[in-house]
Amino acid sequence: PPSVAVKGGFVLTNREVLIQAVRTLSPVTGTYRGYFRVFSPHAVGYFKGISRVHGWQSGGDSESCLPEGGWWRYFNIDDLRDLQISNTDFDSGQPTHEDQVGLDEITVSISGYR
């Protein structure tokens, strides 16, 4: 898996960075499919064996138009590049009635997820 950061002499994988971000309610920045993204990860898990993160994208770009204020996104973790934990405020997102079906197994999530 792609490694992204060195913390205390250890190289962290994207998955480890995202798990830490969920546990500390920290937004992250990085590149996904060639677009810079700013998002607050709400859950890390798997969908059909693929490691994924579900989060509220509040900034950056996307191949589809990002609505003003942001929107929910799923990201395949192995396709994320240059992940960094940000020191900005965590964005809890907007409530929706959208089913959260993009994860069939959850490793870690914020309180109240689902």
PDB file of N, CA and C in Angstrom:
ATOM      1  N   PRO A   1       0.829  -1.199   0.000  1.00  0.00           N
ATOM      2  CA  PRO A   1       0.000   0.000   0.000  1.00  0.00           C
ATOM      3  C   PRO A   1       0.869   1.258   0.000  1.00  0.00           C
ATOM      4  N   PRO A   2       0.401   2.326  -0.598  1.00  0.00           N
ATOM      5  CA  PRO A   2       1.196   3.550  -0.636  1.00  0.00           C
ATOM      6  C   PRO A   2       1.459   4.075   0.768  1.00  0.00           C
ATOM      7  N   SER A   3       2.685   4.477   1.019  1.00  0.00           N
ATOM      8  CA  SER A   3       3.005   5.093   2.298  1.00  0.00           C
ATOM      9  C   SER A   3       2.963   6.600   2.116  1.00  0.00           C
ATOM     10  N   VAL A   4       2.649   7.306   3.189  1.00  0.00           N
ATOM     11  CA  VAL A   4       2.397   8.725   3.032  1.00  0.00           C
ATOM     12  C   VAL A   4       3.114   9.618   4.017  1.00  0.00           C
ATOM     13  N   ALA A   5       3.402   9.150   5.180  1.00  0.00           N
ATOM     14  CA  ALA A   5       3.924  10.054   6.198  1.00  0.00           C
ATOM     15  C   ALA A   5       4.891   9.303   7.105  1.00  0.00           C
ATOM     16  N   VAL A   6       5.780  10.057   7.689  1.00  0.00           N
ATOM     17  CA  VAL A   6       6.697   9.499   8.673  1.00  0.00           C
ATOM     18  C   VAL A   6       6.344  10.127  10.007  1.00  0.00           C
ATOM     19  N   LYS A   7       6.074   9.300  11.000  1.00  0.00           N
ATOM     20  CA  LYS A   7       5.729   9.784  12.328  1.00  0.00           C
ATOM     21  C   LYS A   7       6.580   9.028  13.332  1.00  0.00           C
ATOM     22  N   GLY A   8       7.446   9.752  14.008  1.00  0.00           N
ATOM     23  CA  GLY A   8       8.302   9.117  14.997  1.00  0.00           C
ATOM     24  C   GLY A   8       9.213   8.062  14.399  1.00  0.00           C
ATOM     25  N   GLY A   9       9.620   8.252  13.139  1.00  0.00           N
ATOM     26  CA  GLY A   9      10.509   7.316  12.481  1.00  0.00           C
ATOM     27  C   GLY A   9       9.804   6.163  11.796  1.00  0.00           C
ATOM     28  N   PHE A  10       8.479   6.078  11.920  1.00  0.00           N
ATOM     29  CA  PHE A  10       7.712   5.012  11.287  1.00  0.00           C
ATOM     30  C   PHE A  10       6.993   5.548  10.055  1.00  0.00           C
ATOM     31  N   VAL A  11       6.962   4.762   9.021  1.00  0.00           N
ATOM     32  CA  VAL A  11       6.205   5.126   7.822  1.00  0.00           C
ATOM     33  C   VAL A  11       4.773   4.653   8.007  1.00  0.00           C
ATOM     34  N   LEU A  12       3.828   5.562   7.810  1.00  0.00           N
ATOM     35  CA  LEU A  12       2.417   5.230   7.946  1.00  0.00           C
ATOM     36  C   LEU A  12       1.799   5.015   6.569  1.00  0.00           C
ATOM     37  N   THR A  13       0.925   4.045   6.480  1.00  0.00           N
ATOM     38  CA  THR A  13       0.193   3.832   5.233  1.00  0.00           C
ATOM     39  C   THR A  13      -0.978   4.818   5.173  1.00  0.00           C
ATOM     40  N   ASN A  14      -1.563   4.959   3.994  1.00  0.00           N
ATOM     41  CA  ASN A  14      -2.760   5.788   3.851  1.00  0.00           C
ATOM     42  C   ASN A  14      -3.830   5.355   4.848  1.00  0.00           C
ATOM     43  N   ARG A  15      -4.034   4.055   4.949  1.00  0.00           N
ATOM     44  CA  ARG A  15      -5.055   3.524   5.853  1.00  0.00           C
ATOM     45  C   ARG A  15      -4.786   3.930   7.296  1.00  0.00           C
ATOM     46  N   GLU A  16      -3.543   3.837   7.732  1.00  0.00           N
ATOM     47  CA  GLU A  16      -3.184   4.216   9.104  1.00  0.00           C
ATOM     48  C   GLU A  16      -3.396   5.715   9.342  1.00  0.00           C
ATOM     49  N   VAL A  17      -3.048   6.533   8.359  1.00  0.00           N
ATOM     50  CA  VAL A  17      -3.265   7.984   8.485  1.00  0.00           C
ATOM     51  C   VAL A  17      -4.758   8.273   8.615  1.00  0.00           C
ATOM     52  N   LEU A  18      -5.576   7.613   7.788  1.00  0.00           N
ATOM     53  CA  LEU A  18      -7.015   7.858   7.821  1.00  0.00           C
ATOM     54  C   LEU A  18      -7.658   7.354   9.115  1.00  0.00           C
ATOM     55  N   ILE A  19      -7.214   6.228   9.629  1.00  0.00           N
ATOM     56  CA  ILE A  19      -7.724   5.730  10.913  1.00  0.00           C
ATOM     57  C   ILE A  19      -7.394   6.724  12.015  1.00  0.00           C
ATOM     58  N   GLN A  20      -6.174   7.244  12.016  1.00  0.00           N
ATOM     59  CA  GLN A  20      -5.775   8.254  12.994  1.00  0.00           C
ATOM     60  C   GLN A  20      -6.645   9.503  12.841  1.00  0.00           C
ATOM     61  N   ALA A  21      -6.911   9.922  11.602  1.00  0.00           N
ATOM     62  CA  ALA A  21      -7.720  11.120  11.352  1.00  0.00           C
ATOM     63  C   ALA A  21      -9.150  10.927  11.859  1.00  0.00           C
ATOM     64  N   VAL A  22      -9.735   9.750  11.663  1.00  0.00           N
ATOM     65  CA  VAL A  22     -11.083   9.478  12.168  1.00  0.00           C
ATOM     66  C   VAL A  22     -11.080   9.540  13.694  1.00  0.00           C
ATOM     67  N   ARG A  23     -10.108   8.913  14.312  1.00  0.00           N
ATOM     68  CA  ARG A  23     -10.054   8.855  15.785  1.00  0.00           C
ATOM     69  C   ARG A  23      -9.832  10.231  16.417  1.00  0.00           C
ATOM     70  N   THR A  24      -9.159  11.126  15.710  1.00  0.00           N
ATOM     71  CA  THR A  24      -8.855  12.456  16.260  1.00  0.00           C
ATOM     72  C   THR A  24      -9.736  13.549  15.658  1.00  0.00           C
ATOM     73  N   LEU A  25     -10.718  13.148  14.829  1.00  0.00           N
ATOM     74  CA  LEU A  25     -11.589  14.099  14.136  1.00  0.00           C
ATOM     75  C   LEU A  25     -10.773  15.169  13.417  1.00  0.00           C
ATOM     76  N   SER A  26      -9.840  14.700  12.595  1.00  0.00           N
ATOM     77  CA  SER A  26      -8.959  15.591  11.842  1.00  0.00           C
ATOM     78  C   SER A  26      -9.239  15.474  10.350  1.00  0.00           C
ATOM     79  N   PRO A  27      -9.400  16.602   9.659  1.00  0.00           N
ATOM     80  CA  PRO A  27      -9.527  16.541   8.199  1.00  0.00           C
ATOM     81  C   PRO A  27      -8.188  16.189   7.572  1.00  0.00           C
ATOM     82  N   VAL A  28      -8.221  15.770   6.327  1.00  0.00           N
ATOM     83  CA  VAL A  28      -7.005  15.430   5.591  1.00  0.00           C
ATOM     84  C   VAL A  28      -7.013  16.121   4.233  1.00  0.00           C
ATOM     85  N   THR A  29      -5.833  16.245   3.659  1.00  0.00           N
ATOM     86  CA  THR A  29      -5.687  16.717   2.290  1.00  0.00           C
ATOM     87  C   THR A  29      -4.929  15.647   1.518  1.00  0.00           C
ATOM     88  N   GLY A  30      -5.141  15.614   0.224  1.00  0.00           N
ATOM     89  CA  GLY A  30      -4.448  14.657  -0.617  1.00  0.00           C
ATOM     90  C   GLY A  30      -4.960  14.737  -2.039  1.00  0.00           C
ATOM     91  N   THR A  31      -4.420  13.879  -2.876  1.00  0.00           N
ATOM     92  CA  THR A  31      -4.812  13.835  -4.278  1.00  0.00           C
ATOM     93  C   THR A  31      -5.501  12.504  -4.552  1.00  0.00           C
ATOM     94  N   TYR A  32      -6.613  12.574  -5.283  1.00  0.00           N
ATOM     95  CA  TYR A  32      -7.373  11.386  -5.659  1.00  0.00           C
ATOM     96  C   TYR A  32      -7.743  11.512  -7.127  1.00  0.00           C
ATOM     97  N   ARG A  33      -7.291  10.527  -7.910  1.00  0.00           N
ATOM     98  CA  ARG A  33      -7.554  10.510  -9.346  1.00  0.00           C
ATOM     99  C   ARG A  33      -7.188  11.834 -10.018  1.00  0.00           C
ATOM    100  N   GLY A  34      -6.040  12.374  -9.588  1.00  0.00           N
ATOM    101  CA  GLY A  34      -5.498  13.577 -10.209  1.00  0.00           C
ATOM    102  C   GLY A  34      -6.051  14.892  -9.697  1.00  0.00           C
ATOM    103  N   TYR A  35      -6.962  14.846  -8.719  1.00  0.00           N
ATOM    104  CA  TYR A  35      -7.564  16.067  -8.188  1.00  0.00           C
ATOM    105  C   TYR A  35      -7.201  16.240  -6.719  1.00  0.00           C
ATOM    106  N   PHE A  36      -6.827  17.462  -6.339  1.00  0.00           N
ATOM    107  CA  PHE A  36      -6.548  17.784  -4.945  1.00  0.00           C
ATOM    108  C   PHE A  36      -7.861  17.766  -4.172  1.00  0.00           C
ATOM    109  N   ARG A  37      -7.860  17.145  -2.995  1.00  0.00           N
ATOM    110  CA  ARG A  37      -9.077  17.019  -2.176  1.00  0.00           C
ATOM    111  C   ARG A  37      -8.804  17.472  -0.749  1.00  0.00           C
ATOM    112  N   VAL A  38      -9.813  18.028  -0.130  1.00  0.00           N
ATOM    113  CA  VAL A  38      -9.828  18.326   1.298  1.00  0.00           C
ATOM    114  C   VAL A  38     -11.082  17.643   1.840  1.00  0.00           C
ATOM    115  N   PHE A  39     -10.904  16.706   2.784  1.00  0.00           N
ATOM    116  CA  PHE A  39     -12.084  16.020   3.301  1.00  0.00           C
ATOM    117  C   PHE A  39     -11.899  15.590   4.751  1.00  0.00           C
ATOM    118  N   SER A  40     -13.041  15.435   5.410  1.00  0.00           N
ATOM    119  CA  SER A  40     -13.084  14.961   6.787  1.00  0.00           C
ATOM    120  C   SER A  40     -13.557  13.514   6.768  1.00  0.00           C
ATOM    121  N   PRO A  41     -12.664  12.567   7.088  1.00  0.00           N
ATOM    122  CA  PRO A  41     -13.040  11.153   7.048  1.00  0.00           C
ATOM    123  C   PRO A  41     -13.953  10.783   8.217  1.00  0.00           C
ATOM    124  N   HIS A  42     -15.073  10.132   7.890  1.00  0.00           N
ATOM    125  CA  HIS A  42     -16.033   9.723   8.911  1.00  0.00           C
ATOM    126  C   HIS A  42     -15.964   8.235   9.197  1.00  0.00           C
ATOM    127  N   ALA A  43     -15.506   7.434   8.226  1.00  0.00           N
ATOM    128  CA  ALA A  43     -15.411   5.987   8.444  1.00  0.00           C
ATOM    129  C   ALA A  43     -14.371   5.389   7.503  1.00  0.00           C
ATOM    130  N   VAL A  44     -13.664   4.390   8.000  1.00  0.00           N
ATOM    131  CA  VAL A  44     -12.697   3.621   7.212  1.00  0.00           C
ATOM    132  C   VAL A  44     -13.138   2.169   7.282  1.00  0.00           C
ATOM    133  N   GLY A  45     -13.121   1.498   6.141  1.00  0.00           N
ATOM    134  CA  GLY A  45     -13.531   0.104   6.121  1.00  0.00           C
ATOM    135  C   GLY A  45     -13.267  -0.523   4.774  1.00  0.00           C
ATOM    136  N   TYR A  46     -14.125  -1.465   4.416  1.00  0.00           N
ATOM    137  CA  TYR A  46     -13.963  -2.205   3.162  1.00  0.00           C
ATOM    138  C   TYR A  46     -15.294  -2.279   2.431  1.00  0.00           C
ATOM    139  N   PHE A  47     -15.219  -2.330   1.120  1.00  0.00           N
ATOM    140  CA  PHE A  47     -16.370  -2.608   0.274  1.00  0.00           C
ATOM    141  C   PHE A  47     -15.943  -3.659  -0.736  1.00  0.00           C
ATOM    142  N   LYS A  48     -16.532  -4.845  -0.621  1.00  0.00           N
ATOM    143  CA  LYS A  48     -16.181  -5.968  -1.491  1.00  0.00           C
ATOM    144  C   LYS A  48     -14.667  -6.202  -1.508  1.00  0.00           C
ATOM    145  N   GLY A  49     -14.045  -6.094  -0.329  1.00  0.00           N
ATOM    146  CA  GLY A  49     -12.615  -6.349  -0.187  1.00  0.00           C
ATOM    147  C   GLY A  49     -11.704  -5.179  -0.519  1.00  0.00           C
ATOM    148  N   ILE A  50     -12.258  -4.075  -0.983  1.00  0.00           N
ATOM    149  CA  ILE A  50     -11.453  -2.888  -1.326  1.00  0.00           C
ATOM    150  C   ILE A  50     -11.465  -1.938  -0.139  1.00  0.00           C
ATOM    151  N   SER A  51     -10.281  -1.503   0.284  1.00  0.00           N
ATOM    152  CA  SER A  51     -10.145  -0.584   1.400  1.00  0.00           C
ATOM    153  C   SER A  51     -10.623   0.810   0.986  1.00  0.00           C
ATOM    154  N   ARG A  52     -11.617   1.355   1.738  1.00  0.00           N
ATOM    155  CA  ARG A  52     -12.230   2.632   1.367  1.00  0.00           C
ATOM    156  C   ARG A  52     -12.393   3.529   2.582  1.00  0.00           C
ATOM    157  N   VAL A  53     -12.571   4.821   2.294  1.00  0.00           N
ATOM    158  CA  VAL A  53     -12.891   5.804   3.318  1.00  0.00           C
ATOM    159  C   VAL A  53     -14.123   6.570   2.848  1.00  0.00           C
ATOM    160  N   HIS A  54     -15.003   6.883   3.801  1.00  0.00           N
ATOM    161  CA  HIS A  54     -16.187   7.698   3.526  1.00  0.00           C
ATOM    162  C   HIS A  54     -16.002   9.012   4.269  1.00  0.00           C
ATOM    163  N   GLY A  55     -16.105  10.107   3.539  1.00  0.00           N
ATOM    164  CA  GLY A  55     -15.892  11.393   4.181  1.00  0.00           C
ATOM    165  C   GLY A  55     -16.629  12.520   3.495  1.00  0.00           C
ATOM    166  N   TRP A  56     -16.622  13.652   4.159  1.00  0.00           N
ATOM    167  CA  TRP A  56     -17.241  14.866   3.647  1.00  0.00           C
ATOM    168  C   TRP A  56     -16.152  15.687   2.961  1.00  0.00           C
ATOM    169  N   GLN A  57     -16.230  15.800   1.624  1.00  0.00           N
ATOM    170  CA  GLN A  57     -15.260  16.607   0.884  1.00  0.00           C
ATOM    171  C   GLN A  57     -15.731  18.051   0.916  1.00  0.00           C
ATOM    172  N   SER A  58     -14.942  18.907   1.559  1.00  0.00           N
ATOM    173  CA  SER A  58     -15.312  20.310   1.734  1.00  0.00           C
ATOM    174  C   SER A  58     -14.520  21.253   0.846  1.00  0.00           C
ATOM    175  N   GLY A  59     -13.485  20.737   0.197  1.00  0.00           N
ATOM    176  CA  GLY A  59     -12.670  21.609  -0.637  1.00  0.00           C
ATOM    177  C   GLY A  59     -11.875  20.831  -1.661  1.00  0.00           C
ATOM    178  N   GLY A  60     -11.215  21.579  -2.520  1.00  0.00           N
ATOM    179  CA  GLY A  60     -10.450  20.967  -3.592  1.00  0.00           C
ATOM    180  C   GLY A  60     -11.314  20.792  -4.819  1.00  0.00           C
ATOM    181  N   ASP A  61     -10.940  19.836  -5.657  1.00  0.00           N
ATOM    182  CA  ASP A  61     -11.622  19.617  -6.924  1.00  0.00           C
ATOM    183  C   ASP A  61     -12.111  18.178  -7.031  1.00  0.00           C
ATOM    184  N   SER A  62     -12.804  17.901  -8.132  1.00  0.00           N
ATOM    185  CA  SER A  62     -13.357  16.575  -8.371  1.00  0.00           C
ATOM    186  C   SER A  62     -13.654  16.434  -9.850  1.00  0.00           C
ATOM    187  N   GLU A  63     -13.695  15.177 -10.334  1.00  0.00           N
ATOM    188  CA  GLU A  63     -14.076  14.969 -11.726  1.00  0.00           C
ATOM    189  C   GLU A  63     -15.549  15.307 -11.924  1.00  0.00           C
ATOM    190  N   SER A  64     -16.344  15.173 -10.865  1.00  0.00           N
ATOM    191  CA  SER A  64     -17.728  15.656 -10.900  1.00  0.00           C
ATOM    192  C   SER A  64     -17.766  16.949 -10.084  1.00  0.00           C
ATOM    193  N   CYS A  65     -18.687  17.784 -10.364  1.00  0.00           N
ATOM    194  CA  CYS A  65     -18.761  19.097  -9.720  1.00  0.00           C
ATOM    195  C   CYS A  65     -18.980  18.944  -8.216  1.00  0.00           C
ATOM    196  N   LEU A  66     -18.184  19.642  -7.430  1.00  0.00           N
ATOM    197  CA  LEU A  66     -18.345  19.645  -5.978  1.00  0.00           C
ATOM    198  C   LEU A  66     -19.311  20.771  -5.616  1.00  0.00           C
ATOM    199  N   PRO A  67     -20.458  20.451  -5.032  1.00  0.00           N
ATOM    200  CA  PRO A  67     -21.407  21.504  -4.661  1.00  0.00           C
ATOM    201  C   PRO A  67     -20.790  22.467  -3.651  1.00  0.00           C
ATOM    202  N   GLU A  68     -21.255  23.702  -3.653  1.00  0.00           N
ATOM    203  CA  GLU A  68     -20.780  24.683  -2.681  1.00  0.00           C
ATOM    204  C   GLU A  68     -21.029  24.142  -1.274  1.00  0.00           C
ATOM    205  N   GLY A  69     -20.029  24.172  -0.446  1.00  0.00           N
ATOM    206  CA  GLY A  69     -20.134  23.650   0.910  1.00  0.00           C
ATOM    207  C   GLY A  69     -19.662  22.212   1.052  1.00  0.00           C
ATOM    208  N   GLY A  70     -19.623  21.465  -0.073  1.00  0.00           N
ATOM    209  CA  GLY A  70     -19.105  20.105  -0.029  1.00  0.00           C
ATOM    210  C   GLY A  70     -20.155  19.037  -0.261  1.00  0.00           C
ATOM    211  N   TRP A  71     -19.702  17.781  -0.198  1.00  0.00           N
ATOM    212  CA  TRP A  71     -20.587  16.635  -0.387  1.00  0.00           C
ATOM    213  C   TRP A  71     -19.902  15.362   0.098  1.00  0.00           C
ATOM    214  N   TRP A  72     -20.708  14.329   0.354  1.00  0.00           N
ATOM    215  CA  TRP A  72     -20.192  13.029   0.776  1.00  0.00           C
ATOM    216  C   TRP A  72     -19.471  12.347  -0.383  1.00  0.00           C
ATOM    217  N   ARG A  73     -18.337  11.709  -0.081  1.00  0.00           N
ATOM    218  CA  ARG A  73     -17.576  10.980  -1.086  1.00  0.00           C
ATOM    219  C   ARG A  73     -17.020   9.693  -0.478  1.00  0.00           C
ATOM    220  N   TYR A  74     -16.908   8.684  -1.332  1.00  0.00           N
ATOM    221  CA  TYR A  74     -16.152   7.476  -1.006  1.00  0.00           C
ATOM    222  C   TYR A  74     -14.861   7.529  -1.806  1.00  0.00           C
ATOM    223  N   PHE A  75     -13.752   7.161  -1.173  1.00  0.00           N
ATOM    224  CA  PHE A  75     -12.461   7.108  -1.854  1.00  0.00           C
ATOM    225  C   PHE A  75     -11.847   5.730  -1.645  1.00  0.00           C
ATOM    226  N   ASN A  76     -11.335   5.120  -2.714  1.00  0.00           N
ATOM    227  CA  ASN A  76     -10.535   3.907  -2.576  1.00  0.00           C
ATOM    228  C   ASN A  76      -9.195   4.334  -1.997  1.00  0.00           C
ATOM    229  N   ILE A  77      -8.856   3.801  -0.858  1.00  0.00           N
ATOM    230  CA  ILE A  77      -7.688   4.275  -0.119  1.00  0.00           C
ATOM    231  C   ILE A  77      -6.394   4.114  -0.911  1.00  0.00           C
ATOM    232  N   ASP A  78      -6.250   3.025  -1.661  1.00  0.00           N
ATOM    233  CA  ASP A  78      -5.013   2.813  -2.416  1.00  0.00           C
ATOM    234  C   ASP A  78      -4.838   3.814  -3.559  1.00  0.00           C
ATOM    235  N   ASP A  79      -5.897   4.536  -3.927  1.00  0.00           N
ATOM    236  CA  ASP A  79      -5.807   5.540  -4.998  1.00  0.00           C
ATOM    237  C   ASP A  79      -5.532   6.943  -4.471  1.00  0.00           C
ATOM    238  N   LEU A  80      -5.473   7.106  -3.152  1.00  0.00           N
ATOM    239  CA  LEU A  80      -5.138   8.407  -2.560  1.00  0.00           C
ATOM    240  C   LEU A  80      -3.626   8.602  -2.560  1.00  0.00           C
ATOM    241  N   ARG A  81      -3.191   9.817  -2.794  1.00  0.00           N
ATOM    242  CA  ARG A  81      -1.766  10.156  -2.817  1.00  0.00           C
ATOM    243  C   ARG A  81      -1.511  11.381  -1.943  1.00  0.00           C
ATOM    244  N   ASP A  82      -0.308  11.453  -1.384  1.00  0.00           N
ATOM    245  CA  ASP A  82       0.157  12.636  -0.641  1.00  0.00           C
ATOM    246  C   ASP A  82      -0.780  13.037   0.494  1.00  0.00           C
ATOM    247  N   LEU A  83      -1.291  12.061   1.229  1.00  0.00           N
ATOM    248  CA  LEU A  83      -2.193  12.369   2.345  1.00  0.00           C
ATOM    249  C   LEU A  83      -1.455  13.098   3.459  1.00  0.00           C
ATOM    250  N   GLN A  84      -2.115  14.096   3.992  1.00  0.00           N
ATOM    251  CA  GLN A  84      -1.601  14.860   5.128  1.00  0.00           C
ATOM    252  C   GLN A  84      -2.764  15.160   6.061  1.00  0.00           C
ATOM    253  N   ILE A  85      -2.546  15.007   7.348  1.00  0.00           N
ATOM    254  CA  ILE A  85      -3.554  15.442   8.312  1.00  0.00           C
ATOM    255  C   ILE A  85      -3.479  16.959   8.382  1.00  0.00           C
ATOM    256  N   SER A  86      -4.646  17.589   8.316  1.00  0.00           N
ATOM    257  CA  SER A  86      -4.741  19.047   8.302  1.00  0.00           C
ATOM    258  C   SER A  86      -5.037  19.565   9.703  1.00  0.00           C
ATOM    259  N   ASN A  87      -4.659  20.803   9.963  1.00  0.00           N
ATOM    260  CA  ASN A  87      -4.954  21.394  11.268  1.00  0.00           C
ATOM    261  C   ASN A  87      -6.196  22.288  11.208  1.00  0.00           C
ATOM    262  N   THR A  88      -7.005  22.126  10.161  1.00  0.00           N
ATOM    263  CA  THR A  88      -8.250  22.882  10.048  1.00  0.00           C
ATOM    264  C   THR A  88      -9.358  22.153  10.805  1.00  0.00           C
ATOM    265  N   ASP A  89     -10.529  22.755  10.851  1.00  0.00           N
ATOM    266  CA  ASP A  89     -11.646  22.177  11.596  1.00  0.00           C
ATOM    267  C   ASP A  89     -12.256  20.988  10.860  1.00  0.00           C
ATOM    268  N   PHE A  90     -12.620  19.964  11.617  1.00  0.00           N
ATOM    269  CA  PHE A  90     -13.305  18.788  11.086  1.00  0.00           C
ATOM    270  C   PHE A  90     -14.702  19.203  10.648  1.00  0.00           C
ATOM    271  N   ASP A  91     -15.129  18.739   9.487  1.00  0.00           N
ATOM    272  CA  ASP A  91     -16.450  19.080   8.959  1.00  0.00           C
ATOM    273  C   ASP A  91     -17.364  17.869   9.103  1.00  0.00           C
ATOM    274  N   SER A  92     -18.434  18.035   9.866  1.00  0.00           N
ATOM    275  CA  SER A  92     -19.336  16.912  10.113  1.00  0.00           C
ATOM    276  C   SER A  92     -20.258  16.633   8.941  1.00  0.00           C
ATOM    277  N   GLY A  93     -20.252  17.494   7.933  1.00  0.00           N
ATOM    278  CA  GLY A  93     -21.071  17.254   6.753  1.00  0.00           C
ATOM    279  C   GLY A  93     -22.524  17.601   6.982  1.00  0.00           C
ATOM    280  N   GLN A  94     -23.309  17.435   5.941  1.00  0.00           N
ATOM    281  CA  GLN A  94     -24.731  17.715   5.991  1.00  0.00           C
ATOM    282  C   GLN A  94     -25.468  16.387   6.077  1.00  0.00           C
ATOM    283  N   PRO A  95     -26.462  16.307   6.932  1.00  0.00           N
ATOM    284  CA  PRO A  95     -27.223  15.062   6.993  1.00  0.00           C
ATOM    285  C   PRO A  95     -27.953  14.810   5.668  1.00  0.00           C
ATOM    286  N   THR A  96     -27.986  13.561   5.264  1.00  0.00           N
ATOM    287  CA  THR A  96     -28.726  13.185   4.057  1.00  0.00           C
ATOM    288  C   THR A  96     -29.469  11.889   4.346  1.00  0.00           C
ATOM    289  N   HIS A  97     -30.360  11.539   3.459  1.00  0.00           N
ATOM    290  CA  HIS A  97     -31.072  10.269   3.588  1.00  0.00           C
ATOM    291  C   HIS A  97     -30.399   9.193   2.743  1.00  0.00           C
ATOM    292  N   GLU A  98     -29.249   9.565   2.170  1.00  0.00           N
ATOM    293  CA  GLU A  98     -28.510   8.629   1.318  1.00  0.00           C
ATOM    294  C   GLU A  98     -28.056   7.429   2.146  1.00  0.00           C
ATOM    295  N   ASP A  99     -28.341   6.243   1.673  1.00  0.00           N
ATOM    296  CA  ASP A  99     -27.853   5.041   2.354  1.00  0.00           C
ATOM    297  C   ASP A  99     -26.335   4.995   2.270  1.00  0.00           C
ATOM    298  N   GLN A 100     -25.713   4.615   3.341  1.00  0.00           N
ATOM    299  CA  GLN A 100     -24.260   4.517   3.377  1.00  0.00           C
ATOM    300  C   GLN A 100     -23.879   3.084   3.006  1.00  0.00           C
ATOM    301  N   VAL A 101     -24.025   2.780   1.737  1.00  0.00           N
ATOM    302  CA  VAL A 101     -23.820   1.411   1.262  1.00  0.00           C
ATOM    303  C   VAL A 101     -22.430   1.186   0.691  1.00  0.00           C
ATOM    304  N   GLY A 102     -21.595   2.192   0.697  1.00  0.00           N
ATOM    305  CA  GLY A 102     -20.265   2.072   0.111  1.00  0.00           C
ATOM    306  C   GLY A 102     -19.257   1.376   0.998  1.00  0.00           C
ATOM    307  N   LEU A 103     -19.671   0.974   2.190  1.00  0.00           N
ATOM    308  CA  LEU A 103     -18.818   0.189   3.090  1.00  0.00           C
ATOM    309  C   LEU A 103     -19.641  -0.989   3.590  1.00  0.00           C
ATOM    310  N   ASP A 104     -19.147  -2.195   3.378  1.00  0.00           N
ATOM    311  CA  ASP A 104     -19.860  -3.350   3.924  1.00  0.00           C
ATOM    312  C   ASP A 104     -19.199  -3.880   5.199  1.00  0.00           C
ATOM    313  N   GLU A 105     -18.032  -3.325   5.529  1.00  0.00           N
ATOM    314  CA  GLU A 105     -17.333  -3.657   6.782  1.00  0.00           C
ATOM    315  C   GLU A 105     -16.651  -2.392   7.263  1.00  0.00           C
ATOM    316  N   ILE A 106     -16.918  -1.996   8.505  1.00  0.00           N
ATOM    317  CA  ILE A 106     -16.346  -0.762   9.056  1.00  0.00           C
ATOM    318  C   ILE A 106     -15.265  -1.114  10.065  1.00  0.00           C
ATOM    319  N   THR A 107     -14.076  -0.535   9.871  1.00  0.00           N
ATOM    320  CA  THR A 107     -12.955  -0.727  10.790  1.00  0.00           C
ATOM    321  C   THR A 107     -13.020   0.282  11.920  1.00  0.00           C
ATOM    322  N   VAL A 108     -13.258   1.559  11.577  1.00  0.00           N
ATOM    323  CA  VAL A 108     -13.344   2.629  12.559  1.00  0.00           C
ATOM    324  C   VAL A 108     -14.257   3.706  11.995  1.00  0.00           C
ATOM    325  N   SER A 109     -15.018   4.366  12.880  1.00  0.00           N
ATOM    326  CA  SER A 109     -15.893   5.449  12.437  1.00  0.00           C
ATOM    327  C   SER A 109     -16.081   6.448  13.571  1.00  0.00           C
ATOM    328  N   ILE A 110     -16.534   7.640  13.190  1.00  0.00           N
ATOM    329  CA  ILE A 110     -16.824   8.638  14.212  1.00  0.00           C
ATOM    330  C   ILE A 110     -18.079   8.222  14.967  1.00  0.00           C
ATOM    331  N   SER A 111     -18.278   8.786  16.129  1.00  0.00           N
ATOM    332  CA  SER A 111     -19.465   8.496  16.922  1.00  0.00           C
ATOM    333  C   SER A 111     -20.712   8.903  16.161  1.00  0.00           C
ATOM    334  N   GLY A 112     -21.708   8.039  16.146  1.00  0.00           N
ATOM    335  CA  GLY A 112     -22.964   8.346  15.486  1.00  0.00           C
ATOM    336  C   GLY A 112     -23.005   8.014  14.003  1.00  0.00           C
ATOM    337  N   TYR A 113     -21.921   7.445  13.466  1.00  0.00           N
ATOM    338  CA  TYR A 113     -21.921   7.084  12.047  1.00  0.00           C
ATOM    339  C   TYR A 113     -22.918   5.958  11.832  1.00  0.00           C
ATOM    340  N   ARG A 114     -23.745   6.080  10.800  1.00  0.00           N
ATOM    341  CA  ARG A 114     -24.823   5.143  10.425  1.00  0.00           C
ATOM    342  C   ARG A 114     -26.026   5.371  11.268  1.00  0.00           C
TER     343      ARG A 114
END
